[in-house]
């Protein structure tokens, strides 16, 4: 009974309703090139980049250009150049059949680069 009491019921009106997240005023993306020289541009739809932008905007007293610069620096200079960056890709049904490239980045994983020790 205790577990049922603690379980959230999706169909009941909660005491504190969800807040709608503010829409980002910018679209962030990675442009990269494969080993055949083909360039691709994938938009980053990860909630973390949005939260980073809002945090940077607050820290920089509403200066949008400074906030965007900090986000770029984090995602390009830090994640892409100094980490082992992995991109989680997904599609949306809206763009899946009509778009040339329906994929978007829905998450990033960026552990430190570790070099493997010699086996022999």
Protein backbone atom coordinates (compact mmCIF):
# COMPACT_ATOMS: atom_id res chain seq x y z
CA UNK A 1 0.00 0.00 0.00
CA UNK A 2 2.90 2.34 0.76
CA UNK A 3 4.36 1.76 -2.71
CA UNK A 4 0.99 2.53 -4.31
CA UNK A 5 0.71 5.74 -2.30
CA UNK A 6 4.13 6.88 -3.50
CA UNK A 7 3.46 5.89 -7.12
CA UNK A 8 2.61 8.84 -9.37
CA UNK A 9 -0.68 8.46 -11.20
CA UNK A 10 -0.51 9.93 -14.68
CA UNK A 11 -4.27 10.45 -14.93
CA UNK A 12 -4.82 12.33 -11.69
CA UNK A 13 -4.22 16.06 -11.43
CA UNK A 14 -1.04 16.50 -9.35
CA UNK A 15 -0.79 19.06 -6.58
CA UNK A 16 2.11 20.73 -8.40
CA UNK A 17 1.46 20.49 -12.16
CA UNK A 18 4.34 20.23 -14.61
CA UNK A 19 5.88 23.42 -15.94
CA UNK A 20 6.38 23.86 -19.65
CA UNK A 21 10.06 24.32 -20.46
CA UNK A 22 10.94 27.55 -22.26
CA UNK A 23 11.80 27.14 -25.93
CA UNK A 24 15.42 27.82 -26.83
CA UNK A 25 15.91 30.87 -29.05
CA UNK A 26 18.78 29.10 -30.87
CA UNK A 27 19.33 25.80 -32.65
CA UNK A 28 22.65 24.19 -31.80
CA UNK A 29 24.20 21.62 -34.12
CA UNK A 30 27.38 19.74 -34.97
CA UNK A 31 28.80 19.79 -38.50
CA UNK A 32 31.22 16.97 -39.18
CA UNK A 33 32.85 15.21 -42.09
CA UNK A 34 33.15 11.47 -42.67
CA UNK A 35 36.20 9.74 -44.15
CA UNK A 36 34.72 10.06 -47.69
CA UNK A 37 34.57 13.84 -47.31
CA UNK A 38 30.76 14.04 -46.95
CA UNK A 39 29.67 16.76 -44.51
CA UNK A 40 26.68 16.27 -42.25
CA UNK A 41 24.89 18.68 -39.96
CA UNK A 42 22.95 17.27 -37.02
CA UNK A 43 20.89 19.42 -34.68
CA UNK A 44 21.37 18.84 -30.95
CA UNK A 45 17.99 18.26 -29.29
CA UNK A 46 19.42 17.18 -25.92
CA UNK A 47 17.83 18.90 -22.90
CA UNK A 48 21.30 19.36 -21.36
CA UNK A 49 22.39 21.89 -23.99
CA UNK A 50 19.23 23.87 -23.34
CA UNK A 51 19.80 23.87 -19.60
CA UNK A 52 23.45 24.87 -20.14
CA UNK A 53 22.27 27.81 -22.25
CA UNK A 54 19.74 28.97 -19.63
CA UNK A 55 22.33 28.66 -16.84
CA UNK A 56 24.92 30.61 -18.86
CA UNK A 57 22.33 33.26 -19.70
CA UNK A 58 21.56 33.72 -16.01
CA UNK A 59 25.26 33.83 -15.08
CA UNK A 60 25.95 36.46 -17.74
CA UNK A 61 23.09 38.80 -16.71
CA UNK A 62 20.99 38.09 -19.81
CA UNK A 63 23.80 38.56 -22.35
CA UNK A 64 22.70 36.12 -25.08
CA UNK A 65 25.85 36.33 -27.19
CA UNK A 66 28.04 35.53 -24.18
CA UNK A 67 25.78 32.60 -23.21
CA UNK A 68 25.92 31.18 -26.77
CA UNK A 69 29.71 31.56 -26.78
CA UNK A 70 30.02 29.59 -23.53
CA UNK A 71 27.77 26.81 -24.91
CA UNK A 72 29.84 26.64 -28.13
CA UNK A 73 33.06 26.52 -26.14
CA UNK A 74 31.75 23.66 -23.99
CA UNK A 75 30.39 21.56 -26.87
CA UNK A 76 33.19 22.23 -29.38
CA UNK A 77 36.38 23.07 -27.50
CA UNK A 78 35.73 20.74 -24.57
CA UNK A 79 33.53 17.83 -25.65
CA UNK A 80 34.55 17.51 -29.32
CA UNK A 81 38.27 18.23 -28.95
CA UNK A 82 39.31 16.90 -25.54
CA UNK A 83 36.83 14.09 -24.79
CA UNK A 84 35.85 10.76 -26.37
CA UNK A 85 32.57 12.16 -27.72
CA UNK A 86 29.72 9.76 -28.51
CA UNK A 87 26.46 10.99 -30.01
CA UNK A 88 23.09 9.35 -29.35
CA UNK A 89 20.94 9.75 -32.45
CA UNK A 90 17.21 9.57 -32.89
CA UNK A 91 14.53 10.57 -35.37
CA UNK A 92 11.06 12.00 -35.16
CA UNK A 93 8.13 10.60 -37.05
CA UNK A 94 7.40 14.06 -38.44
CA UNK A 95 10.72 14.20 -40.35
CA UNK A 96 11.51 10.52 -40.77
CA UNK A 97 10.10 9.88 -44.26
CA UNK A 98 10.34 13.35 -45.78
CA UNK A 99 13.78 14.53 -44.73
CA UNK A 100 17.04 13.78 -46.52
CA UNK A 101 18.63 13.23 -43.10
CA UNK A 102 15.99 12.71 -40.40
CA UNK A 103 18.47 12.09 -37.61
CA UNK A 104 19.15 14.45 -34.72
CA UNK A 105 21.38 14.29 -31.68
CA UNK A 106 19.24 13.39 -28.67
CA UNK A 107 22.11 12.96 -26.23
CA UNK A 108 25.85 13.10 -25.81
CA UNK A 109 28.28 10.95 -23.84
CA UNK A 110 31.71 12.46 -23.35
CA UNK A 111 34.06 10.49 -21.09
CA UNK A 112 37.73 11.36 -20.77
CA UNK A 113 39.98 9.86 -23.42
CA UNK A 114 41.74 6.83 -22.03
CA UNK A 115 44.63 5.27 -23.88
CA UNK A 116 44.85 1.52 -23.61
CA UNK A 117 47.90 0.13 -21.89
CA UNK A 118 50.07 -2.26 -23.85
CA UNK A 119 48.98 -5.86 -23.63
CA UNK A 120 52.46 -7.36 -24.15
